[in-house]
């Protein structure tokens, strides 16, 4: 079983920055894709950013140029640096990690509240 521990988040002012972290632990052979999703009240969950094991990243158009996703394969961790925050970034952010144990796994974190005040 793979467990994800998220940290960071909280309250920030518009224009400010926050950094989210997510670390995977447990028994697994490899981690492939690591992603951050978010869901604001009354909306569907959306992909914010993702990164492959080789470091290829992708972003939602709404966060391009403001958010940066990185990962540390040695620590089985993924990070989301969020700069120039806007009120529209307010949401619950969750990390998602996929990889291989005896078979494929797909694990989600519990979520972090990010609130941006305007």
Protein backbone atom coordinates (compact mmCIF):
# COMPACT_ATOMS: atom_id res chain seq x y z
CA UNK A 1 0.00 0.00 0.00
CA UNK A 2 1.23 3.47 -0.88
CA UNK A 3 0.62 6.38 1.47
CA UNK A 4 0.85 10.04 0.52
CA UNK A 5 1.62 12.76 3.05
CA UNK A 6 0.90 16.31 1.93
CA UNK A 7 2.06 19.51 3.55
CA UNK A 8 1.99 23.21 2.87
CA UNK A 9 -1.03 25.17 1.82
CA UNK A 10 -2.93 27.56 4.01
CA UNK A 11 -3.77 31.20 3.58
CA UNK A 12 -2.03 33.68 1.27
CA UNK A 13 -2.73 37.11 -0.06
CA UNK A 14 -3.23 37.72 -3.75
CA UNK A 15 0.15 38.08 -5.38
CA UNK A 16 1.77 35.94 -2.74
CA UNK A 17 3.30 32.48 -2.83
CA UNK A 18 2.79 29.07 -1.30
CA UNK A 19 4.57 25.75 -1.68
CA UNK A 20 2.89 22.36 -1.50
CA UNK A 21 4.72 19.12 -0.84
CA UNK A 22 3.67 15.49 -1.19
CA UNK A 23 5.77 12.49 -0.22
CA UNK A 24 5.02 8.86 -0.98
CA UNK A 25 5.88 6.00 1.32
CA UNK A 26 5.23 2.29 1.40
CA UNK A 27 6.19 -0.63 -0.74
CA UNK A 28 6.49 0.13 -4.43
CA UNK A 29 8.86 -0.58 -7.26
CA UNK A 30 8.68 2.71 -9.09
CA UNK A 31 6.76 5.95 -9.26
CA UNK A 32 5.87 7.14 -12.72
CA UNK A 33 3.56 10.16 -12.84
CA UNK A 34 3.12 12.66 -10.01
CA UNK A 35 0.38 15.25 -10.29
CA UNK A 36 -1.43 18.00 -8.43
CA UNK A 37 -5.18 18.48 -8.81
CA UNK A 38 -7.49 21.04 -7.30
CA UNK A 39 -11.17 21.41 -6.68
CA UNK A 40 -12.95 24.61 -5.78
CA UNK A 41 -16.44 24.58 -4.27
CA UNK A 42 -19.09 23.86 -6.88
CA UNK A 43 -16.58 22.92 -9.55
CA UNK A 44 -15.10 19.72 -10.94
CA UNK A 45 -11.64 18.61 -9.94
CA UNK A 46 -9.06 19.76 -12.43
CA UNK A 47 -5.47 18.84 -13.19
CA UNK A 48 -3.15 21.66 -12.18
CA UNK A 49 0.22 20.20 -13.10
CA UNK A 50 1.90 16.87 -13.68
CA UNK A 51 5.45 15.60 -14.00
CA UNK A 52 6.89 12.35 -15.28
CA UNK A 53 9.77 10.42 -13.77
CA UNK A 54 12.08 11.97 -16.36
CA UNK A 55 10.98 15.47 -15.41
CA UNK A 56 8.65 16.28 -18.28
CA UNK A 57 5.97 18.58 -16.90
CA UNK A 58 2.62 19.91 -18.05
CA UNK A 59 0.36 22.64 -16.67
CA UNK A 60 -3.17 23.86 -16.84
CA UNK A 61 -3.37 27.03 -18.92
CA UNK A 62 -4.64 28.95 -15.90
CA UNK A 63 -1.41 28.39 -13.95
CA UNK A 64 1.24 28.48 -16.67
CA UNK A 65 4.00 30.91 -15.81
CA UNK A 66 2.91 31.10 -12.17
CA UNK A 67 3.15 27.56 -10.82
CA UNK A 68 6.10 25.19 -11.02
CA UNK A 69 5.99 21.45 -10.37
CA UNK A 70 9.14 19.60 -9.41
CA UNK A 71 9.94 16.20 -8.01
CA UNK A 72 12.70 14.54 -6.05
CA UNK A 73 12.91 10.91 -7.10
CA UNK A 74 15.27 10.06 -4.26
CA UNK A 75 12.68 11.26 -1.75
CA UNK A 76 9.64 10.07 -3.72
CA UNK A 77 8.31 13.57 -3.38
CA UNK A 78 6.59 16.14 -5.57
CA UNK A 79 6.32 19.85 -4.98
CA UNK A 80 4.17 22.64 -6.33
CA UNK A 81 5.54 26.16 -6.06
CA UNK A 82 2.69 28.60 -6.50
CA UNK A 83 3.56 32.23 -7.19
CA UNK A 84 1.48 35.25 -8.10
CA UNK A 85 -1.50 33.66 -6.46
CA UNK A 86 -4.98 34.80 -7.38
CA UNK A 87 -8.29 34.47 -5.58
CA UNK A 88 -9.33 31.99 -8.29
CA UNK A 89 -6.58 29.65 -7.08
CA UNK A 90 -8.56 29.04 -3.89
CA UNK A 91 -9.32 25.33 -3.76
CA UNK A 92 -8.48 22.03 -2.13
CA UNK A 93 -5.26 20.75 -3.71
CA UNK A 94 -4.55 17.03 -3.84
CA UNK A 95 -1.56 15.11 -5.06
CA UNK A 96 -1.88 11.97 -7.13
CA UNK A 97 0.87 9.45 -7.57
CA UNK A 98 0.93 6.52 -9.96
CA UNK A 99 3.45 3.77 -10.26
CA UNK A 100 4.15 0.09 -9.88
CA UNK A 101 4.21 -2.30 -6.97
CA UNK A 102 3.30 -5.90 -7.70
CA UNK A 103 0.92 -4.23 -10.11
CA UNK A 104 -0.02 -0.68 -10.95
CA UNK A 105 -1.09 1.67 -8.18
CA UNK A 106 -2.90 5.00 -8.24
CA UNK A 107 -2.92 6.85 -4.92
CA UNK A 108 -4.38 10.17 -3.81
CA UNK A 109 -3.53 12.45 -0.94
CA UNK A 110 -6.16 13.71 1.47
CA UNK A 111 -5.99 17.25 0.14
CA UNK A 112 -4.79 20.63 1.33
CA UNK A 113 -6.85 23.77 1.58
CA UNK A 114 -5.35 26.76 -0.21
CA UNK A 115 -7.13 30.07 0.32
CA UNK A 116 -6.08 33.23 -1.45
CA UNK A 117 -7.51 36.49 -0.18
CA UNK A 118 -7.94 39.37 -2.58
